[in-house]
Amino acid sequence: MSRQLSIAAFMMRYGHHVAAWRHPETDLLSNPFKVFRDQVRSAEKACLDAVFFADSVALTGAPSLEPLTLLSALAASTQHIGLIGTATTTYNEPYTVARQFASLDLLSEGRAGWNLVTSDNAAEAANFGREQHVAHADRYARAREFHQVVTGLWNSWDPDALEVDKSGALPYDPAKLHKLNHRGEHFAVAGPLNVARSPQGRPVVVQAGGSEVGRDLAAGTAEVVFTAQPTLAKAQAFYSDIKRRVVEKGRSPDAVKVMPGLFAVVGRTQAEADGKFAQLQSLIEPKAGLALLGRMIGNFDLSPYPLDGPLPELPPTQDGQRSRQQLLTDLAQGENLTIRQLYERIAGGRGHFTVAGTAEQVADQMQAWFEQGAADGFNFMAPALPGGLDDFLALVIPELQRRGLFRTSYEGSTLRGHLGL
């Protein structure tokens, strides 16, 4: 089979547009699990590789569900689709994370993925007894060791460690169970993990760092890299850089899938797509737009500055995403955008690749990025739920399938198999 796209659906409660909750068709009262269950089942019917849930351990807008709990329920409601959840290395312990994702992997029969992040939301610190957020460099140093411990714990059990012979003293072969005995700068963990291996061996590791230290971490640890890239040229540069770093780490470039975010508004005509996007843009409340921009540009309070004035010069963020700060600063300066224009620009895609058009036009863009060294696939960001994802699944996926760029049925049973890892 020729090379095909990998596609995940990045799920948010109301959708990715900052004003999605205000859309006339948005149901604010439904049980969020039922909304997600129905949408994930639709994504599975369309044969998507996975669904992905971000996380924050502080309130950042709409209330959200804890991803591992939600994904466990979704594991029982689906059969094939991969289940990727976020757990921060900044405010967690590696044994707990290793155990949770190994359990999800077993419950789902090999469909789990862990999105490894370092917390970029400074508000999280106060929920864990800290007066200040952990500094950027310290977060990444902790994350590298955290990953080492988690993957070491996942290797506690040999594939054939469990016994089926009931005459023995234990239901496993002690010689095939390994203690970790890790002692490092940040963690001391004895092991072994008390959860056995899943059908895919261990969960897939996902990472989304875009700064220099983030890219280095991704090259050494990740199997899937999510990234925010607004243009083909920037995506090509990032793709090439990640693949180079992966090789320098002694890994095959095919061992890592690069999947940029894609915020697409899809219509049966260009006018219909433009109308859908314009409706969402008209619903942006200035305080919400300003709060989104301030958080994404590095946890800065922009309220003292005039909305219709230029973006002020900001120092490098110490507790936010440096790569996203650079992306948004470059965007504002390159196009001479005001603060209002900048938050309107990112209100949907938040700095990710954004397109509004017909299924053919969206598929054209995806195919160009895929074939021109910018992406191995995409993490689709629905503008609003349920309509935004429904449009993509009903219109764009069939077009990609007609072009031979996406599967028409699942050939494997694990997330690792879907991704070709």
Protein backbone atom coordinates (compact mmCIF):
# COMPACT_ATOMS: atom_id res chain seq x y z
CA MET A 1 0.00 0.00 0.00
CA SER A 2 1.25 3.50 -0.80
CA ARG A 3 1.94 5.90 2.05
CA GLN A 4 -1.23 7.29 3.61
CA LEU A 5 -2.17 10.09 5.99
CA SER A 6 -2.53 9.66 9.73
CA ILE A 7 -5.47 11.67 11.07
CA ALA A 8 -6.53 12.28 14.67
CA ALA A 9 -9.40 14.38 15.98
CA PHE A 10 -8.42 16.89 18.68
CA MET A 11 -11.51 17.01 20.89
CA MET A 12 -12.67 19.98 22.96
CA ARG A 13 -15.94 20.32 24.84
CA TYR A 14 -17.58 22.86 22.53
CA GLY A 15 -15.00 22.99 19.74
CA HIS A 16 -11.76 24.88 19.19
CA HIS A 17 -13.07 28.30 18.31
CA VAL A 18 -13.04 30.51 21.38
CA ALA A 19 -16.69 31.43 20.70
CA ALA A 20 -17.87 27.89 19.89
CA TRP A 21 -19.90 27.70 23.09
CA ARG A 22 -21.92 30.72 21.91
CA HIS A 23 -22.83 29.14 18.56
CA PRO A 24 -26.63 28.79 18.13
CA GLU A 25 -26.34 25.02 17.56
CA THR A 26 -24.16 24.34 20.62
CA ASP A 27 -25.90 22.36 23.34
CA LEU A 28 -24.68 23.64 26.70
CA LEU A 29 -26.75 21.26 28.83
CA SER A 30 -25.93 17.79 27.50
CA ASN A 31 -23.76 15.43 29.51
CA PRO A 32 -20.26 16.03 28.06
CA PHE A 33 -19.51 12.31 28.00
CA LYS A 34 -22.49 11.64 25.76
CA VAL A 35 -21.36 14.41 23.39
CA PHE A 36 -17.84 12.99 23.22
CA ARG A 37 -19.05 9.39 22.95
CA ASP A 38 -21.21 10.18 19.93
CA GLN A 39 -18.49 12.23 18.25
CA VAL A 40 -15.78 9.63 18.88
CA ARG A 41 -18.01 6.89 17.49
CA SER A 42 -18.46 9.01 14.36
CA ALA A 43 -14.69 9.44 14.11
CA GLU A 44 -14.27 5.68 14.46
CA LYS A 45 -16.83 5.04 11.71
CA ALA A 46 -14.67 7.27 9.48
CA CYS A 47 -11.60 5.16 10.43
CA LEU A 48 -9.59 7.96 12.07
CA ASP A 49 -6.37 6.85 13.73
CA ALA A 50 -7.18 8.38 17.11
CA VAL A 51 -8.96 10.97 19.17
CA PHE A 52 -6.88 13.30 21.30
CA PHE A 53 -7.71 15.15 24.52
CA ALA A 54 -5.59 17.96 25.89
CA ASP A 55 -5.61 18.81 29.58
CA SER A 56 -4.94 21.54 32.11
CA VAL A 57 -5.01 21.15 35.87
CA ALA A 58 -6.40 24.66 36.26
CA LEU A 59 -9.52 26.35 34.88
CA THR A 60 -8.70 27.91 31.50
CA GLY A 61 -12.16 28.59 30.11
CA ALA A 62 -14.92 26.02 29.94
CA PRO A 63 -14.90 23.25 32.58
CA SER A 64 -13.33 20.02 31.34
CA LEU A 65 -13.21 16.34 32.22
CA GLU A 66 -10.07 14.55 33.44
CA PRO A 67 -8.78 12.77 30.30
CA LEU A 68 -7.90 9.33 31.71
CA THR A 69 -11.35 8.92 33.26
CA LEU A 70 -13.02 10.03 30.04
CA LEU A 71 -10.84 7.82 27.83
CA SER A 72 -11.54 4.79 30.01
CA ALA A 73 -15.25 5.29 29.40
CA LEU A 74 -14.64 5.80 25.70
CA ALA A 75 -12.57 2.60 25.59
CA ALA A 76 -15.71 0.70 26.57
CA SER A 77 -17.77 2.59 23.97
CA THR A 78 -15.49 1.98 20.96
CA GLN A 79 -13.58 -0.87 19.35
CA HIS A 80 -10.85 0.41 17.03
CA ILE A 81 -9.98 4.09 17.36
CA GLY A 82 -6.87 5.17 19.27
CA LEU A 83 -7.27 7.02 22.56
CA ILE A 84 -4.65 9.70 23.31
CA GLY A 85 -4.73 11.67 26.55
CA THR A 86 -2.56 14.34 28.12
CA ALA A 87 -0.78 14.07 31.46
CA THR A 88 1.68 16.73 32.56
CA THR A 89 5.12 15.79 33.85
CA THR A 90 5.21 18.98 35.91
CA TYR A 91 2.45 18.18 38.42
CA ASN A 92 2.32 14.38 38.36
CA GLU A 93 4.44 11.45 39.48
CA PRO A 94 5.82 8.96 36.94
CA TYR A 95 4.62 5.79 38.66
CA THR A 96 1.05 7.09 38.69
CA VAL A 97 1.14 8.13 35.03
CA ALA A 98 2.76 4.85 33.97
CA ARG A 99 0.11 2.87 35.82
CA GLN A 100 -2.82 4.91 34.50
CA PHE A 101 -1.84 4.69 30.84
CA ALA A 102 -0.81 1.04 31.08
CA SER A 103 -4.26 0.34 32.53
CA LEU A 104 -5.97 2.28 29.74
CA ASP A 105 -3.87 0.36 27.22
CA LEU A 106 -5.04 -2.96 28.63
CA LEU A 107 -8.67 -1.86 28.93
CA SER A 108 -8.69 -0.73 25.29
CA GLU A 109 -6.68 -3.75 24.06
CA GLY A 110 -3.76 -1.65 22.87
CA ARG A 111 -5.25 1.68 21.81
CA ALA A 112 -3.73 4.12 24.34
CA GLY A 113 -1.38 7.03 23.78
CA TRP A 114 0.23 9.38 26.31
CA ASN A 115 0.66 13.03 25.33
CA LEU A 116 3.69 14.07 27.37
CA VAL A 117 3.60 17.77 28.21
CA THR A 118 5.27 20.24 30.51
CA SER A 119 2.63 22.54 31.98
CA ASP A 120 2.56 25.95 30.27
CA ASN A 121 -0.30 27.36 32.35
CA ALA A 122 1.10 29.29 35.31
CA ALA A 123 -2.27 29.06 37.11
CA GLU A 124 -1.65 25.34 37.72
CA ALA A 125 1.09 26.03 40.27
CA ALA A 126 -1.30 27.30 42.95
CA ASN A 127 -3.29 24.06 42.78
CA PHE A 128 -0.22 22.11 43.86
CA GLY A 129 1.04 24.22 46.74
CA ARG A 130 3.48 26.34 44.74
CA GLU A 131 3.68 30.12 44.79
CA GLN A 132 5.45 30.18 41.42
CA HIS A 133 5.25 28.04 38.31
CA VAL A 134 8.21 25.78 37.55
CA ALA A 135 10.71 27.51 35.23
CA HIS A 136 10.87 26.45 31.57
CA ALA A 137 14.30 24.76 31.70
CA ASP A 138 13.46 22.95 34.95
CA ARG A 139 10.18 21.66 33.49
CA TYR A 140 12.01 20.06 30.58
CA ALA A 141 14.76 18.57 32.72
CA ARG A 142 12.09 16.95 34.87
CA ALA A 143 10.19 15.80 31.76
CA ARG A 144 13.20 13.96 30.30
CA GLU A 145 13.70 11.97 33.48
CA PHE A 146 9.94 11.49 33.88
CA HIS A 147 9.79 9.86 30.42
CA GLN A 148 12.75 7.65 31.27
CA VAL A 149 11.02 6.39 34.40
CA VAL A 150 7.62 5.85 32.76
CA THR A 151 8.99 3.89 29.81
CA GLY A 152 11.23 1.91 32.16
CA LEU A 153 8.18 0.96 34.21
CA TRP A 154 6.28 -0.04 31.07
CA ASN A 155 9.12 -2.48 30.39
CA SER A 156 8.71 -4.16 33.78
CA TRP A 157 7.00 -7.16 32.18
CA ASP A 158 8.38 -9.31 29.38
CA PRO A 159 5.78 -10.06 26.68
CA ASP A 160 5.50 -13.70 27.82
CA ALA A 161 5.72 -13.09 31.57
CA LEU A 162 2.16 -14.13 32.42
CA GLU A 163 1.63 -17.84 33.07
CA VAL A 164 -1.33 -19.94 32.03
CA ASP A 165 -0.11 -23.00 33.97
CA LYS A 166 -2.10 -22.98 37.22
CA SER A 167 0.21 -25.43 38.97
CA GLY A 168 2.80 -22.74 39.79
CA ALA A 169 3.03 -20.52 42.85
CA LEU A 170 2.39 -17.28 40.93
CA PRO A 171 0.40 -16.31 37.81
CA TYR A 172 3.62 -14.95 36.26
CA ASP A 173 7.24 -15.98 35.80
CA PRO A 174 9.31 -13.99 38.35
CA ALA A 175 12.34 -14.17 36.05
CA LYS A 176 10.41 -12.18 33.45
CA LEU A 177 9.40 -9.36 35.80
CA HIS A 178 11.97 -6.59 36.28
CA LYS A 179 12.42 -3.95 38.98
CA LEU A 180 13.43 -0.51 37.77
CA ASN A 181 15.45 0.76 40.74
CA HIS A 182 15.70 4.25 39.26
CA ARG A 183 17.52 6.97 41.19
CA GLY A 184 17.92 10.32 39.49
CA GLU A 185 17.89 14.05 40.07
CA HIS A 186 14.11 14.28 40.29
CA PHE A 187 12.80 10.78 41.01
CA ALA A 188 13.56 7.61 42.93
CA VAL A 189 11.29 4.78 41.76
CA ALA A 190 11.79 1.13 42.62
CA GLY A 191 9.20 -0.61 40.44
CA PRO A 192 8.13 -2.92 39.02
CA LEU A 193 4.88 -1.62 37.56
CA ASN A 194 1.89 -3.60 38.77
CA VAL A 195 0.15 -3.51 35.37
CA ALA A 196 1.16 -6.04 32.71
CA ARG A 197 1.86 -5.36 29.04
CA SER A 198 -0.89 -4.64 26.53
CA PRO A 199 -1.30 -6.06 23.01
CA GLN A 200 0.67 -3.13 21.56
CA GLY A 201 3.55 -3.53 24.02
CA ARG A 202 3.23 -0.10 25.57
CA PRO A 203 1.27 3.11 24.95
CA VAL A 204 2.31 5.41 22.12
CA VAL A 205 4.20 8.50 23.33
CA VAL A 206 3.08 11.85 21.89
CA GLN A 207 4.83 15.19 22.38
CA ALA A 208 4.12 18.75 21.30
CA GLY A 209 7.16 20.85 22.21
CA GLY A 210 8.19 23.48 19.65
CA SER A 211 11.01 25.33 21.38
CA GLU A 212 14.62 24.21 21.00
CA VAL A 213 14.50 22.18 24.19
CA GLY A 214 11.01 20.94 23.28
CA ARG A 215 12.14 19.71 19.88
CA ASP A 216 15.10 17.97 21.44
CA LEU A 217 12.81 16.24 23.92
CA ALA A 218 10.43 15.21 21.13
CA ALA A 219 13.25 13.81 18.99
CA GLY A 220 14.43 11.62 21.84
CA THR A 221 11.12 10.48 23.30
CA ALA A 222 8.15 10.92 20.96
CA GLU A 223 6.55 8.61 18.43
CA VAL A 224 4.03 11.25 17.36
CA VAL A 225 4.72 14.99 17.36
CA PHE A 226 1.81 17.42 17.40
CA THR A 227 2.81 20.91 16.29
CA ALA A 228 1.36 24.34 15.49
CA GLN A 229 2.53 25.54 12.07
CA PRO A 230 0.60 28.29 10.25
CA THR A 231 2.15 27.95 6.76
CA LEU A 232 3.51 25.28 4.46
CA ALA A 233 7.02 26.75 4.55
CA LYS A 234 7.16 26.83 8.35
CA ALA A 235 5.74 23.31 8.53
CA GLN A 236 8.36 22.05 6.07
CA ALA A 237 11.16 23.60 8.13
CA PHE A 238 9.82 22.07 11.34
CA TYR A 239 9.30 18.65 9.72
CA SER A 240 12.84 18.59 8.35
CA ASP A 241 14.30 19.73 11.68
CA ILE A 242 12.45 17.07 13.71
CA LYS A 243 13.41 14.27 11.32
CA ARG A 244 17.06 15.41 11.43
CA ARG A 245 17.06 15.46 15.23
CA VAL A 246 15.45 12.01 15.35
CA VAL A 247 18.25 10.59 13.20
CA GLU A 248 20.86 12.29 15.38
CA LYS A 249 19.32 10.49 18.36
CA GLY A 250 20.01 7.18 16.61
CA ARG A 251 16.41 6.57 15.60
CA SER A 252 14.80 5.99 12.21
CA PRO A 253 13.02 9.05 10.77
CA ASP A 254 10.01 6.80 10.20
CA ALA A 255 9.83 6.13 13.96
CA VAL A 256 8.18 9.53 14.48
CA LYS A 257 4.98 10.85 12.89
CA VAL A 258 4.75 14.64 12.56
CA MET A 259 1.10 15.73 12.70
CA PRO A 260 0.40 19.49 12.60
CA GLY A 261 -2.87 20.84 13.89
CA LEU A 262 -5.48 21.60 11.23
CA PHE A 263 -8.36 23.99 11.94
CA ALA A 264 -10.71 23.62 8.97
CA VAL A 265 -14.16 25.09 8.35
CA VAL A 266 -15.77 22.97 5.66
CA GLY A 267 -18.71 23.86 3.41
CA ARG A 268 -20.26 22.48 0.27
CA THR A 269 -19.30 25.76 -1.37
CA GLN A 270 -16.67 28.38 -0.57
CA ALA A 271 -19.43 30.84 0.33
CA GLU A 272 -20.94 28.38 2.79
CA ALA A 273 -17.56 27.77 4.47
CA ASP A 274 -16.86 31.51 4.66
CA GLY A 275 -20.30 32.09 6.17
CA LYS A 276 -19.75 29.47 8.86
CA PHE A 277 -16.40 30.98 9.78
CA ALA A 278 -17.75 34.55 9.78
CA GLN A 279 -20.57 33.53 12.11
CA LEU A 280 -18.09 32.18 14.67
CA GLN A 281 -15.86 35.24 14.35
CA SER A 282 -18.85 37.51 15.00
CA LEU A 283 -19.44 35.76 18.33
CA ILE A 284 -16.00 36.53 19.81
CA GLU A 285 -16.34 38.40 23.09
CA PRO A 286 -13.34 40.78 23.45
CA LYS A 287 -12.49 39.75 27.02
CA ALA A 288 -12.42 36.09 25.98
CA GLY A 289 -10.28 36.83 22.93
CA LEU A 290 -7.84 38.90 24.98
CA ALA A 291 -7.60 36.25 27.70
CA LEU A 292 -6.90 33.56 25.09
CA LEU A 293 -4.15 35.63 23.49
CA GLY A 294 -2.57 36.55 26.82
CA ARG A 295 -2.35 32.94 27.92
CA MET A 296 -1.10 31.63 24.60
CA ILE A 297 1.54 34.30 24.17
CA GLY A 298 3.18 33.35 27.46
CA ASN A 299 0.80 34.04 30.37
CA PHE A 300 0.88 37.84 30.08
CA ASP A 301 -1.87 40.27 31.10
CA LEU A 302 -2.60 42.33 27.99
CA SER A 303 -5.60 44.17 29.45
CA PRO A 304 -3.67 47.47 30.07
CA TYR A 305 -2.98 47.84 26.34
CA PRO A 306 -5.47 49.25 23.78
CA LEU A 307 -7.16 46.55 21.72
CA ASP A 308 -6.67 48.49 18.51
CA GLY A 309 -3.04 49.25 19.22
CA PRO A 310 0.04 47.16 18.41
CA LEU A 311 1.16 44.15 20.38
CA PRO A 312 3.63 45.40 23.01
CA GLU A 313 7.17 44.10 23.19
CA LEU A 314 7.10 41.24 25.68
CA PRO A 315 10.01 39.57 27.46
CA PRO A 316 10.59 35.85 26.81
CA THR A 317 8.01 33.91 28.78
CA GLN A 318 9.32 32.09 31.82
CA ASP A 319 6.30 29.88 32.41
CA GLY A 320 4.48 29.60 29.07
CA GLN A 321 5.13 28.13 25.62
CA ARG A 322 8.13 29.89 24.12
CA SER A 323 7.56 28.43 20.66
CA ARG A 324 3.94 29.66 20.61
CA GLN A 325 5.03 33.08 21.88
CA GLN A 326 7.48 33.36 18.99
CA LEU A 327 4.89 32.18 16.47
CA LEU A 328 2.31 34.75 17.57
CA THR A 329 4.85 37.58 17.85
CA ASP A 330 6.11 36.85 14.33
CA LEU A 331 2.53 36.80 13.06
CA ALA A 332 1.69 40.17 14.66
CA GLN A 333 4.87 41.86 13.48
CA GLY A 334 4.88 40.31 10.03
CA GLU A 335 1.36 41.48 9.22
CA ASN A 336 1.31 44.58 11.44
CA LEU A 337 -1.68 43.28 13.41
CA THR A 338 -3.33 45.04 16.33
CA ILE A 339 -4.06 43.12 19.52
CA ARG A 340 -7.70 42.74 18.44
CA GLN A 341 -6.72 41.52 14.96
CA LEU A 342 -4.27 39.05 16.48
CA TYR A 343 -6.76 37.45 18.85
CA GLU A 344 -9.30 37.32 16.03
CA ARG A 345 -6.70 35.57 13.89
CA ILE A 346 -6.03 32.87 16.51
CA ALA A 347 -9.57 32.59 17.93
CA GLY A 348 -10.12 29.36 16.02
CA GLY A 349 -6.82 27.73 15.16
CA ARG A 350 -4.75 29.25 17.98
CA GLY A 351 -1.78 29.56 15.63
CA HIS A 352 -2.38 26.27 13.80
CA PHE A 353 -2.87 25.83 10.06
CA THR A 354 -6.28 27.33 9.28
CA VAL A 355 -8.38 26.88 6.13
CA ALA A 356 -12.00 27.51 5.15
CA GLY A 357 -13.32 25.96 1.97
CA THR A 358 -14.89 23.01 0.24
CA ALA A 359 -13.90 19.40 0.89
CA GLU A 360 -11.82 19.41 -2.30
CA GLN A 361 -9.98 22.57 -1.25
CA VAL A 362 -9.25 21.28 2.25
CA ALA A 363 -8.09 17.94 0.83
CA ASP A 364 -5.87 19.79 -1.67
CA GLN A 365 -4.12 21.59 1.19
CA MET A 366 -3.71 18.41 3.24
CA GLN A 367 -2.33 16.55 0.24
CA ALA A 368 0.14 19.36 -0.53
CA TRP A 369 1.50 19.37 3.03
CA PHE A 370 1.67 15.57 3.04
CA GLU A 371 3.46 15.23 -0.31
CA GLN A 372 5.77 18.23 0.08
CA GLY A 373 7.52 17.22 3.30
CA ALA A 374 5.47 19.17 5.82
CA ALA A 375 3.37 16.48 7.55
CA ASP A 376 2.81 12.76 8.01
CA GLY A 377 -0.78 13.51 8.95
CA PHE A 378 -2.92 15.99 10.85
CA ASN A 379 -4.56 16.57 14.22
CA PHE A 380 -7.94 17.93 13.16
CA MET A 381 -9.39 20.73 15.28
CA ALA A 382 -13.16 21.06 14.83
CA PRO A 383 -14.37 24.69 14.94
CA ALA A 384 -17.50 23.71 16.91
CA LEU A 385 -19.11 20.47 18.03
CA PRO A 386 -20.90 18.59 16.69
CA GLY A 387 -21.19 20.30 13.32
CA GLY A 388 -17.50 21.05 12.71
CA LEU A 389 -16.36 17.46 13.12
CA ASP A 390 -19.40 16.08 11.31
CA ASP A 391 -18.62 18.25 8.27
CA PHE A 392 -15.00 17.07 8.16
CA LEU A 393 -15.91 13.40 8.52
CA ALA A 394 -18.77 13.52 6.00
CA LEU A 395 -17.06 15.65 3.34
CA VAL A 396 -13.25 15.70 3.64
CA ILE A 397 -12.56 12.10 4.68
CA PRO A 398 -14.42 10.59 1.67
CA GLU A 399 -12.50 12.94 -0.63
CA LEU A 400 -9.17 11.79 0.86
CA GLN A 401 -10.29 8.18 0.51
CA ARG A 402 -11.15 8.72 -3.16
CA ARG A 403 -7.60 9.98 -3.66
CA GLY A 404 -6.12 6.93 -1.95
CA LEU A 405 -4.68 9.10 0.82
CA PHE A 406 -6.65 7.61 3.72
CA ARG A 407 -7.87 4.17 4.76
CA THR A 408 -11.40 2.94 4.17
CA SER A 409 -11.23 0.34 6.94
CA TYR A 410 -9.03 -0.53 9.91
CA GLU A 411 -6.42 -3.16 9.11
CA GLY A 412 -5.05 -3.52 12.66
CA SER A 413 -6.41 -3.38 16.17
CA THR A 414 -3.91 -1.14 18.02
CA LEU A 415 -3.04 2.54 17.88
CA ARG A 416 0.55 1.62 17.10
CA GLY A 417 -0.74 -0.43 14.17
CA HIS A 418 -2.98 2.37 12.86
CA LEU A 419 -0.03 4.75 12.87
CA GLY A 420 2.32 2.29 11.20
CA LEU A 421 4.73 2.37 14.14
